[in-house]
């Protein structure tokens, strides 16, 4: 049955500064920041490398988000390790694997097939690391500040993406794409050191052995509930399709792709800051549907091929719509039993990442035949349609989560 302590209260009761005074959260946050910066740089560098080598919108899009394809395998097989008794050891081991994988991408002359294979391996292990990190987050901060903590991490993700794309564009003047990947590997190593020295083990976790059977048992229970299914659908599919739109920026306008990517990240930063810091839990739930529409609607402007300034503004506004994940994540947490929080959040994150890869592949495939602008418009229209069609199911899930919180 759902935990009776999972309902977040208004975020006005604390601040980001107060959160960062928690040493373990500060360590998780700093490590997360470094990993996002590394991922942004390596993805941008690899996308640029593949675009130069192939000129293919499909392969360029997949190279930027290819690691997300493998996250679904983590969710289906070993995600129960996210709720294991030694989460610190798990995170350290998984980040060691990430370090090796990122560094390997810097090998000169590495065949594209090998690069894509590395992306899949990285995606698998990164999904397990994300589940473990999110499970720890729910333990190291009070439940009432969980949404605020996720908001800060989302803001940081947007901020580091802006910085990463800007720095990546600048570094391309002086370094090869492989050189930028080396910088990303250094940042990954720093993230590993930070998490290893700041996070402690948590002995309050259940004694059950993680593995394939435990993973499937929890997943079956998760997907058997209509409320959770509706929330996961809305966390995964509309977002993933819009990330597919973003994956076409390099093909749409190679000279200004960095600016477009940064604009989307800036919008995401502003949206998460506003929704996570300034709105109450009730207000977040009330505006969730409008935010999900905002995520996709501005991309419909690509149908008329507007000037760069208009395109950049539209991408910025749409980026704010990513903040819709916060109220949906709150509702999912309210419906999740405490012993499997890590796995459920890991499944949510892995599914969202996987759909980013699917969205990139779909977008690249359509753009291969119809062109990037037309593909972006079509995918945005599908995202809007899914959001509207699934709204009644999300409303029902919201009612169930409110009842669970008041139980």
Protein backbone atom coordinates (compact mmCIF):
# COMPACT_ATOMS: atom_id res chain seq x y z
CA UNK A 1 0.00 0.00 0.00
CA UNK A 2 1.22 3.55 -0.61
CA UNK A 3 3.25 5.27 2.05
CA UNK A 4 1.33 7.75 4.15
CA UNK A 5 4.30 10.13 4.22
CA UNK A 6 4.66 10.75 0.52
CA UNK A 7 2.62 13.88 0.03
CA UNK A 8 4.89 16.88 -0.49
CA UNK A 9 3.97 20.09 1.22
CA UNK A 10 4.41 23.57 -0.12
CA UNK A 11 8.00 24.29 -1.06
CA UNK A 12 7.90 27.65 0.72
CA UNK A 13 8.85 25.87 3.97
CA UNK A 14 12.50 25.63 2.93
CA UNK A 15 15.00 26.85 0.34
CA UNK A 16 17.65 25.53 -1.99
CA UNK A 17 20.31 26.83 0.37
CA UNK A 18 18.79 24.87 3.26
CA UNK A 19 18.78 21.72 1.13
CA UNK A 20 22.45 22.15 0.30
CA UNK A 21 23.34 22.29 4.00
CA UNK A 22 22.53 18.58 4.03
CA UNK A 23 25.95 17.08 3.29
CA UNK A 24 24.67 13.93 1.61
CA UNK A 25 22.27 15.82 -0.62
CA UNK A 26 25.05 18.27 -1.50
CA UNK A 27 27.24 15.33 -2.53
CA UNK A 28 24.51 13.73 -4.64
CA UNK A 29 23.75 17.10 -6.17
CA UNK A 30 27.38 17.94 -7.01
CA UNK A 31 27.99 14.50 -8.49
CA UNK A 32 24.78 14.77 -10.52
CA UNK A 33 25.85 18.20 -11.78
CA UNK A 34 29.20 16.91 -12.99
CA UNK A 35 27.61 13.89 -14.65
CA UNK A 36 25.08 16.08 -16.51
CA UNK A 37 27.86 18.36 -17.71
CA UNK A 38 29.86 15.36 -18.90
CA UNK A 39 26.86 13.82 -20.65
CA UNK A 40 26.01 17.10 -22.39
CA UNK A 41 29.54 17.60 -23.67
CA UNK A 42 30.00 14.02 -24.82
CA UNK A 43 26.60 13.92 -26.54
CA UNK A 44 27.23 17.19 -28.35
CA UNK A 45 30.71 16.08 -29.40
CA UNK A 46 29.53 12.70 -30.61
CA UNK A 47 26.59 14.19 -32.51
CA UNK A 48 28.93 16.64 -34.21
CA UNK A 49 31.38 13.87 -35.08
CA UNK A 50 28.69 11.64 -36.58
CA UNK A 51 27.14 14.52 -38.50
CA UNK A 52 30.53 15.36 -40.04
CA UNK A 53 31.20 11.73 -40.94
CA UNK A 54 27.80 10.73 -42.30
CA UNK A 55 25.63 13.80 -42.90
CA UNK A 56 22.70 11.64 -41.78
CA UNK A 57 19.98 13.27 -39.60
CA UNK A 58 18.97 9.82 -38.35
CA UNK A 59 22.45 8.75 -37.22
CA UNK A 60 23.18 12.20 -35.78
CA UNK A 61 20.00 12.14 -33.68
CA UNK A 62 20.61 8.59 -32.48
CA UNK A 63 24.24 9.34 -31.60
CA UNK A 64 23.18 12.21 -29.34
CA UNK A 65 20.58 10.18 -27.46
CA UNK A 66 21.53 6.59 -28.28
CA UNK A 67 22.45 5.71 -24.70
CA UNK A 68 18.83 6.19 -23.71
CA UNK A 69 17.77 3.12 -25.71
CA UNK A 70 19.52 0.79 -23.29
CA UNK A 71 17.97 2.26 -20.16
CA UNK A 72 14.88 0.13 -20.70
CA UNK A 73 17.00 -3.01 -20.29
CA UNK A 74 18.16 -1.76 -16.91
CA UNK A 75 14.55 -1.17 -15.90
CA UNK A 76 13.52 -4.66 -17.00
CA UNK A 77 16.40 -6.67 -15.55
CA UNK A 78 18.43 -5.32 -12.64
CA UNK A 79 16.70 -2.11 -11.50
CA UNK A 80 16.00 -3.70 -8.11
CA UNK A 81 19.65 -2.98 -7.25
CA UNK A 82 18.45 0.62 -6.75
CA UNK A 83 16.89 -0.56 -3.48
CA UNK A 84 19.84 -2.70 -2.38
CA UNK A 85 21.44 -2.43 1.04
CA UNK A 86 24.65 -0.75 -0.20
CA UNK A 87 23.54 2.13 -2.45
CA UNK A 88 26.82 4.04 -2.06
CA UNK A 89 28.84 1.08 -3.26
CA UNK A 90 26.42 0.61 -6.16
CA UNK A 91 26.70 4.23 -7.30
CA UNK A 92 30.49 4.21 -7.10
CA UNK A 93 30.75 1.00 -9.13
CA UNK A 94 28.31 2.21 -11.78
CA UNK A 95 30.08 5.55 -12.16
CA UNK A 96 33.36 3.71 -12.63
CA UNK A 97 31.77 1.92 -15.58
CA UNK A 98 30.55 5.28 -16.94
CA UNK A 99 34.04 6.71 -16.68
CA UNK A 100 35.52 3.86 -18.71
CA UNK A 101 32.77 4.08 -21.33
CA UNK A 102 33.03 7.84 -21.82
CA UNK A 103 36.83 7.69 -22.03
CA UNK A 104 36.61 4.95 -24.67
CA UNK A 105 34.62 7.27 -26.95
CA UNK A 106 37.75 9.44 -27.26
CA UNK A 107 39.70 6.68 -29.04
CA UNK A 108 40.66 8.05 -32.48
CA UNK A 109 39.28 6.18 -35.46
CA UNK A 110 36.80 4.15 -33.43
CA UNK A 111 34.22 2.68 -35.84
CA UNK A 112 30.69 4.03 -35.60
CA UNK A 113 29.36 0.57 -34.75
CA UNK A 114 31.69 0.44 -31.73
CA UNK A 115 30.62 3.93 -30.66
CA UNK A 116 26.95 2.97 -30.75
CA UNK A 117 27.70 -0.25 -28.84
CA UNK A 118 29.42 1.82 -26.14
CA UNK A 119 26.37 4.07 -25.97
CA UNK A 120 24.14 1.09 -25.27
CA UNK A 121 26.43 -0.23 -22.53
CA UNK A 122 26.59 3.20 -20.93
CA UNK A 123 22.83 3.61 -21.08
CA UNK A 124 22.25 0.30 -19.32
CA UNK A 125 24.51 1.09 -16.37
CA UNK A 126 23.52 4.74 -16.18
CA UNK A 127 19.87 3.74 -15.76
CA UNK A 128 20.78 1.67 -12.70
CA UNK A 129 22.81 4.56 -11.33
CA UNK A 130 19.91 6.95 -11.76
CA UNK A 131 17.53 4.63 -9.94
CA UNK A 132 19.98 4.25 -7.06
CA UNK A 133 20.58 7.99 -6.87
CA UNK A 134 16.86 8.81 -6.86
CA UNK A 135 16.22 6.16 -4.22
CA UNK A 136 18.86 7.77 -2.03
CA UNK A 137 17.40 11.20 -2.67
CA UNK A 138 14.07 10.09 -1.21
CA UNK A 139 15.96 9.03 1.94
CA UNK A 140 18.42 11.87 2.48
CA UNK A 141 15.85 14.69 2.21
CA UNK A 142 12.49 14.96 4.00
CA UNK A 143 9.51 13.89 1.92
CA UNK A 144 8.07 17.41 2.19
CA UNK A 145 11.10 18.78 0.31
CA UNK A 146 11.37 16.03 -2.29
CA UNK A 147 9.78 18.14 -5.06
CA UNK A 148 12.09 21.03 -4.21
CA UNK A 149 15.12 18.74 -4.38
CA UNK A 150 14.03 17.34 -7.75
CA UNK A 151 13.38 20.90 -8.91
CA UNK A 152 16.92 21.95 -8.00
CA UNK A 153 18.37 18.96 -9.82
CA UNK A 154 16.22 19.66 -12.88
CA UNK A 155 17.24 23.31 -12.84
CA UNK A 156 20.85 22.26 -12.63
CA UNK A 157 20.34 19.86 -15.49
CA UNK A 158 19.04 22.72 -17.63
CA UNK A 159 21.75 25.10 -16.47
CA UNK A 160 24.56 22.64 -17.10
CA UNK A 161 23.09 21.81 -20.51
CA UNK A 162 23.17 25.51 -21.42
CA UNK A 163 26.74 25.75 -20.20
CA UNK A 164 27.71 22.45 -21.79
CA UNK A 165 26.36 23.33 -25.23
CA UNK A 166 27.90 26.80 -25.08
CA UNK A 167 31.26 25.44 -23.95
CA UNK A 168 31.04 22.61 -26.46
CA UNK A 169 30.48 25.08 -29.29
CA UNK A 170 33.43 27.15 -28.10
CA UNK A 171 35.72 24.16 -27.60
CA UNK A 172 35.06 22.97 -31.15
CA UNK A 173 37.13 25.96 -32.29
CA UNK A 174 40.16 24.58 -30.49
CA UNK A 175 39.58 20.85 -29.96
CA UNK A 176 38.42 17.92 -32.03
CA UNK A 177 35.21 16.14 -30.97
CA UNK A 178 37.42 13.45 -29.39
CA UNK A 179 39.15 16.15 -27.35
CA UNK A 180 35.81 17.32 -26.02
CA UNK A 181 35.02 13.74 -25.05
CA UNK A 182 38.23 13.68 -22.97
CA UNK A 183 36.98 16.76 -21.10
CA UNK A 184 33.72 14.90 -20.48
CA UNK A 185 35.66 11.92 -19.11
CA UNK A 186 37.48 14.19 -16.66
CA UNK A 187 34.15 15.58 -15.41
CA UNK A 188 32.83 12.04 -15.02
CA UNK A 189 35.85 11.15 -12.90
CA UNK A 190 35.30 14.18 -10.69
CA UNK A 191 31.68 13.17 -10.18
CA UNK A 192 32.85 9.73 -9.11
CA UNK A 193 35.23 11.20 -6.52
CA UNK A 194 32.56 13.50 -5.10
CA UNK A 195 29.93 10.81 -4.60
CA UNK A 196 32.50 8.39 -3.13
CA UNK A 197 33.60 10.90 -0.50
CA UNK A 198 30.27 12.43 0.54
CA UNK A 199 27.56 9.75 0.47
CA UNK A 200 27.28 7.17 3.24
CA UNK A 201 25.69 3.74 3.20
CA UNK A 202 22.08 3.45 4.33
CA UNK A 203 21.40 0.37 6.45
CA UNK A 204 17.62 0.92 6.68
CA UNK A 205 17.01 -0.78 3.33
CA UNK A 206 15.22 -4.14 3.02
CA UNK A 207 17.20 -7.37 3.18
CA UNK A 208 15.68 -8.95 0.07
CA UNK A 209 18.21 -9.85 -2.61
CA UNK A 210 18.03 -7.68 -5.74
CA UNK A 211 17.96 -9.42 -9.08
CA UNK A 212 15.86 -10.26 -12.11
CA UNK A 213 13.03 -11.91 -10.15
CA UNK A 214 12.70 -9.03 -7.68
CA UNK A 215 12.83 -6.51 -10.51
CA UNK A 216 10.02 -8.22 -12.39
CA UNK A 217 7.88 -8.67 -9.27
CA UNK A 218 7.99 -4.94 -8.55
CA UNK A 219 7.52 -3.96 -12.19
CA UNK A 220 4.45 -6.17 -12.58
CA UNK A 221 2.92 -4.62 -9.47
CA UNK A 222 3.74 -1.14 -10.80
CA UNK A 223 2.21 -1.63 -14.24
CA UNK A 224 -0.87 -3.41 -12.91
CA UNK A 225 -2.15 -0.12 -11.51
CA UNK A 226 -3.96 2.15 -13.99
CA UNK A 227 -2.96 5.31 -12.16
CA UNK A 228 0.74 4.54 -12.31
CA UNK A 229 0.44 3.53 -15.97
CA UNK A 230 -1.16 6.85 -16.86
CA UNK A 231 1.48 8.82 -15.00
CA UNK A 232 4.31 6.89 -16.62
CA UNK A 233 2.82 7.37 -20.08
CA UNK A 234 2.74 11.13 -19.59
CA UNK A 235 6.21 11.22 -18.08
CA UNK A 236 7.64 9.23 -20.98
CA UNK A 237 5.99 9.75 -24.34
CA UNK A 238 5.29 13.50 -24.77
CA UNK A 239 8.71 14.39 -23.32
CA UNK A 240 10.49 11.82 -25.45
CA UNK A 241 8.90 13.08 -28.64
CA UNK A 242 9.96 16.65 -27.90
CA UNK A 243 13.50 15.51 -27.19
CA UNK A 244 13.29 13.96 -30.65
CA UNK A 245 12.56 17.45 -31.98
CA UNK A 246 15.64 18.76 -30.20
CA UNK A 247 17.73 15.95 -31.68
CA UNK A 248 17.05 17.43 -35.12
CA UNK A 249 18.49 20.86 -34.34
CA UNK A 250 21.93 19.98 -35.72
CA UNK A 251 20.35 18.79 -38.97
CA UNK A 252 17.87 21.69 -39.07
CA UNK A 253 20.46 24.45 -38.61
CA UNK A 254 24.03 23.20 -38.04
CA UNK A 255 25.40 26.72 -37.55
CA UNK A 256 22.95 27.63 -34.78
CA UNK A 257 22.18 24.23 -33.24
CA UNK A 258 24.11 25.09 -30.07
CA UNK A 259 22.00 28.22 -29.59
CA UNK A 260 18.75 26.30 -30.08
CA UNK A 261 19.79 23.58 -27.66
CA UNK A 262 20.83 26.20 -25.11
CA UNK A 263 17.50 28.02 -25.53
CA UNK A 264 15.59 24.84 -24.76
CA UNK A 265 17.73 24.19 -21.70
CA UNK A 266 17.25 27.79 -20.51
CA UNK A 267 13.50 27.42 -20.81
CA UNK A 268 13.64 24.20 -18.84
CA UNK A 269 15.68 25.92 -16.14
CA UNK A 270 13.17 28.76 -15.84
CA UNK A 271 10.21 26.40 -15.81
CA UNK A 272 11.63 24.17 -13.09
CA UNK A 273 12.65 27.16 -11.01
CA UNK A 274 9.16 28.65 -11.21
CA UNK A 275 7.18 25.45 -10.76
CA UNK A 276 9.42 23.85 -8.13
CA UNK A 277 10.25 26.90 -6.04
CA UNK A 278 7.32 29.28 -6.34
CA UNK A 279 4.25 27.05 -6.68
CA UNK A 280 2.60 24.93 -4.01
CA UNK A 281 1.89 21.25 -4.57
CA UNK A 282 -1.76 22.04 -5.34
CA UNK A 283 -0.77 24.70 -7.85
CA UNK A 284 1.69 22.35 -9.53
CA UNK A 285 -1.05 19.75 -9.99
CA UNK A 286 -3.46 22.40 -11.29
CA UNK A 287 -1.08 23.66 -13.98
CA UNK A 288 0.37 20.30 -15.00
CA UNK A 289 -1.85 19.85 -18.06
CA UNK A 290 -1.15 23.35 -19.37
CA UNK A 291 2.57 22.76 -18.93
CA UNK A 292 2.38 19.50 -20.88
CA UNK A 293 0.69 21.36 -23.74
CA UNK A 294 3.28 24.14 -23.54
CA UNK A 295 6.00 21.55 -23.98
CA UNK A 296 4.96 20.74 -27.55
CA UNK A 297 2.74 23.50 -28.95
CA UNK A 298 5.50 26.05 -29.78
CA UNK A 299 7.22 23.50 -32.04
CA UNK A 300 4.24 23.69 -34.40
CA UNK A 301 5.74 26.99 -35.61
CA UNK A 302 8.42 25.00 -37.44
CA UNK A 303 5.73 24.28 -40.06
CA UNK A 304 6.11 27.83 -41.44
CA UNK A 305 9.92 27.96 -41.18
CA UNK A 306 10.07 31.20 -39.17
CA UNK A 307 13.21 33.34 -38.71
CA UNK A 308 15.91 32.14 -36.31
CA UNK A 309 14.86 34.60 -33.58
CA UNK A 310 11.29 33.26 -33.61
CA UNK A 311 12.48 29.64 -33.63
CA UNK A 312 14.80 30.30 -30.69
CA UNK A 313 12.02 32.00 -28.71
CA UNK A 314 9.63 29.13 -29.42
CA UNK A 315 12.17 26.56 -28.25
CA UNK A 316 12.80 28.58 -25.09
CA UNK A 317 9.08 28.78 -24.25
CA UNK A 318 8.57 25.09 -24.95
CA UNK A 319 11.46 24.20 -22.65
CA UNK A 320 9.47 25.52 -19.69
CA UNK A 321 6.94 22.77 -20.32
CA UNK A 322 9.39 20.14 -19.12
CA UNK A 323 8.49 21.32 -15.59
CA UNK A 324 5.31 19.25 -15.94
CA UNK A 325 7.41 16.28 -14.83
CA UNK A 326 7.52 17.64 -11.26
CA UNK A 327 3.81 17.27 -10.38
CA UNK A 328 3.66 13.93 -12.20
CA UNK A 329 6.68 12.66 -10.24
CA UNK A 330 5.09 13.84 -7.00
CA UNK A 331 1.93 11.90 -7.77
CA UNK A 332 3.94 8.79 -8.66
CA UNK A 333 5.91 9.03 -5.41
CA UNK A 334 2.67 9.33 -3.43
CA UNK A 335 1.51 6.03 -4.92
CA UNK A 336 4.82 4.19 -4.31
CA UNK A 337 5.53 2.00 -1.25
CA UNK A 338 8.71 3.05 0.57
CA UNK A 339 10.69 -0.21 0.09
CA UNK A 340 10.62 0.07 -3.72
CA UNK A 341 11.00 3.83 -4.18
CA UNK A 342 14.40 3.51 -5.81
CA UNK A 343 13.27 0.95 -8.36
CA UNK A 344 10.04 2.77 -9.25
CA UNK A 345 11.88 6.06 -9.70
CA UNK A 346 14.54 4.22 -11.66
CA UNK A 347 11.89 2.70 -13.94
CA UNK A 348 10.32 6.15 -14.40
CA UNK A 349 13.68 7.70 -15.28
CA UNK A 350 14.73 4.78 -17.50
CA UNK A 351 11.44 4.88 -19.39
CA UNK A 352 11.74 8.62 -19.85
CA UNK A 353 15.31 8.27 -21.12
CA UNK A 354 14.35 5.37 -23.38
CA UNK A 355 11.57 7.41 -24.92
CA UNK A 356 14.06 10.19 -25.54
CA UNK A 357 16.04 7.71 -27.61
CA UNK A 358 12.87 6.47 -29.33
CA UNK A 359 11.83 10.05 -30.00
CA UNK A 360 15.23 10.82 -31.49
CA UNK A 361 15.06 7.74 -33.71
CA UNK A 362 11.52 8.51 -34.86
CA UNK A 363 12.43 12.13 -35.53
CA UNK A 364 15.58 11.19 -37.41
CA UNK A 365 13.73 8.62 -39.51
CA UNK A 366 10.99 11.07 -40.49
CA UNK A 367 13.52 13.83 -41.19
CA UNK A 368 15.44 11.47 -43.46
CA UNK A 369 12.47 11.54 -45.85
CA UNK A 370 10.54 14.74 -45.14
CA UNK A 371 13.21 17.10 -43.84
CA UNK A 372 13.94 18.31 -40.26
CA UNK A 373 11.37 21.15 -40.17
CA UNK A 374 8.46 18.97 -41.25
CA UNK A 375 9.51 16.18 -38.90
CA UNK A 376 9.65 18.55 -35.91
CA UNK A 377 6.15 19.84 -36.66
CA UNK A 378 4.65 16.37 -37.07
CA UNK A 379 6.19 15.00 -33.88
CA UNK A 380 5.06 18.02 -31.86
CA UNK A 381 1.49 17.50 -33.10
CA UNK A 382 1.57 13.86 -31.97
CA UNK A 383 2.87 14.93 -28.55
CA UNK A 384 -0.04 17.36 -28.15
CA UNK A 385 -2.54 14.70 -29.21
CA UNK A 386 -1.23 12.16 -26.68
CA UNK A 387 -1.32 14.74 -23.88
CA UNK A 388 -4.94 15.64 -24.62
CA UNK A 389 -6.13 12.05 -25.06
CA UNK A 390 -4.55 10.82 -21.83
CA UNK A 391 -5.72 13.68 -19.63
CA UNK A 392 -8.74 11.87 -18.10
CA UNK A 393 -6.52 9.01 -16.90
CA UNK A 394 -4.05 11.43 -15.29
CA UNK A 395 -6.91 13.17 -13.49
CA UNK A 396 -8.01 9.83 -12.04
CA UNK A 397 -4.47 9.08 -10.92
CA UNK A 398 -4.33 12.49 -9.25
CA UNK A 399 -7.48 11.69 -7.26
CA UNK A 400 -5.99 8.38 -6.11
CA UNK A 401 -2.71 10.02 -5.04
CA UNK A 402 -4.58 12.67 -3.05
CA UNK A 403 -6.62 9.97 -1.28
CA UNK A 404 -3.41 8.04 -0.52
CA UNK A 405 -1.76 11.14 0.92
CA UNK A 406 -4.69 11.78 3.20
CA UNK A 407 -5.00 8.17 4.33
